[in-house]
Each structure stands twice: as structure tokens, then as C-alpha cells.
Amino acid sequence: MSAPPLAASTAPAFLTVEEAAELLRVNRKTLYEAIRLEQVPGVARLGRILRIHRDTLLTWRPGNSRPALGDTKS
């Protein structure tokens, strides 16, 4: 049985990569690559665990000052 869709208003303060990808409606692998390229704000690294601050993610405007998710061109 799958979990119900994640709504921004009910999401926890820190999201897993999977939850953030669902919220942004992007592929999980695309989001991991954007995090690796430091294109995503609000990422907290706890050892090997990644968490993304929900409020920072929701106020982020991709495309205004940074490359698109997964875009490796400068």
C-alpha cells in the first residue's frame, strides 16, 4: 500500500530526498544529481543522510539564478 501524496502544508520540516522529489514533481535521481552539483538550497548532510529544509525548498525559485535541475552546463 503506497503512502498518500505529500502536500506542502502537511510535510515535515525536513524532507527526505524522495519526499522532496515528490513535492517538486521531479525524478529522485534528478534531485540527487542537482544536490551533488550544489544546485539545491536547504540541504543538510548528516553523515550519509540527506535532509532538505521544506520551507527553503518551497521558497526556492529554480531558474532565476541557478541552472535547471540536472543541468550541468554553466
Protein backbone atom coordinates (compact mmCIF):
# COMPACT_ATOMS: atom_id res chain seq x y z
CA MET A 1 0.00 0.00 0.00
CA SER A 2 1.53 3.34 -1.02
CA ALA A 3 1.60 6.48 1.10
CA PRO A 4 -0.75 9.34 0.24
CA PRO A 5 0.71 12.16 -1.88
CA LEU A 6 2.83 14.65 0.05
CA ALA A 7 1.21 18.08 0.44
CA ALA A 8 3.36 21.12 1.18
CA SER A 9 1.19 22.11 4.13
CA THR A 10 1.45 18.70 5.84
CA ALA A 11 5.08 17.89 5.03
CA PRO A 12 7.58 17.65 7.91
CA ALA A 13 10.09 20.48 8.43
CA PHE A 14 12.91 18.37 6.94
CA LEU A 15 12.24 16.13 3.95
CA THR A 16 13.96 13.06 2.62
CA VAL A 17 15.18 13.26 -0.97
CA GLU A 18 12.27 11.07 -2.02
CA GLU A 19 9.74 13.38 -0.31
CA ALA A 20 11.36 16.49 -1.79
CA ALA A 21 11.38 14.95 -5.28
CA GLU A 22 7.68 14.15 -4.93
CA LEU A 23 6.94 17.67 -3.75
CA LEU A 24 8.90 19.18 -6.67
CA ARG A 25 7.48 16.60 -9.09
CA VAL A 26 10.90 15.57 -10.36
CA ASN A 27 12.63 12.23 -10.57
CA ARG A 28 14.52 11.21 -7.43
CA LYS A 29 17.73 10.64 -9.42
CA THR A 30 17.46 14.12 -10.94
CA LEU A 31 17.20 15.63 -7.48
CA TYR A 32 20.19 13.62 -6.21
CA GLU A 33 22.25 14.92 -9.14
CA ALA A 34 21.17 18.53 -8.51
CA ILE A 35 22.12 18.13 -4.83
CA ARG A 36 25.52 16.71 -5.86
CA LEU A 37 26.06 19.77 -8.06
CA GLU A 38 25.02 22.03 -5.14
CA GLN A 39 22.08 23.46 -7.09
CA VAL A 40 19.50 22.84 -4.35
CA PRO A 41 19.32 25.11 -1.28
CA GLY A 42 18.50 23.96 2.24
CA VAL A 43 20.29 20.61 2.08
CA ALA A 44 21.53 19.27 5.43
CA ARG A 45 24.04 16.43 5.41
CA LEU A 46 24.15 14.21 8.48
CA GLY A 47 26.89 11.76 7.62
CA ARG A 48 25.48 9.94 4.60
CA ILE A 49 21.91 11.04 5.32
CA LEU A 50 20.46 13.96 3.36
CA ARG A 51 17.57 16.08 4.54
CA ILE A 52 16.13 19.12 2.78
CA HIS A 53 14.57 22.03 4.67
CA ARG A 54 10.96 22.21 3.46
CA ASP A 55 10.48 25.99 3.77
CA THR A 56 13.72 26.76 1.93
CA LEU A 57 12.75 24.34 -0.83
CA LEU A 58 9.27 25.84 -1.18
CA THR A 59 10.55 29.42 -1.44
CA TRP A 60 13.34 28.47 -3.87
CA ARG A 61 12.84 29.73 -7.40
CA PRO A 62 14.79 27.37 -9.66
CA GLY A 63 15.88 29.01 -12.87
CA ASN A 64 16.21 32.56 -11.57
CA SER A 65 19.85 32.37 -10.58
CA ARG A 66 20.94 28.77 -10.96
CA PRO A 67 20.91 26.16 -13.73
CA ALA A 68 17.84 23.93 -14.08
CA LEU A 69 17.73 20.72 -12.06
CA GLY A 70 20.21 18.28 -13.51
CA ASP A 71 21.65 20.83 -15.96
CA THR A 72 25.44 20.55 -15.86
CA LYS A 73 26.09 23.42 -18.29
CA SER A 74 27.25 26.76 -16.86
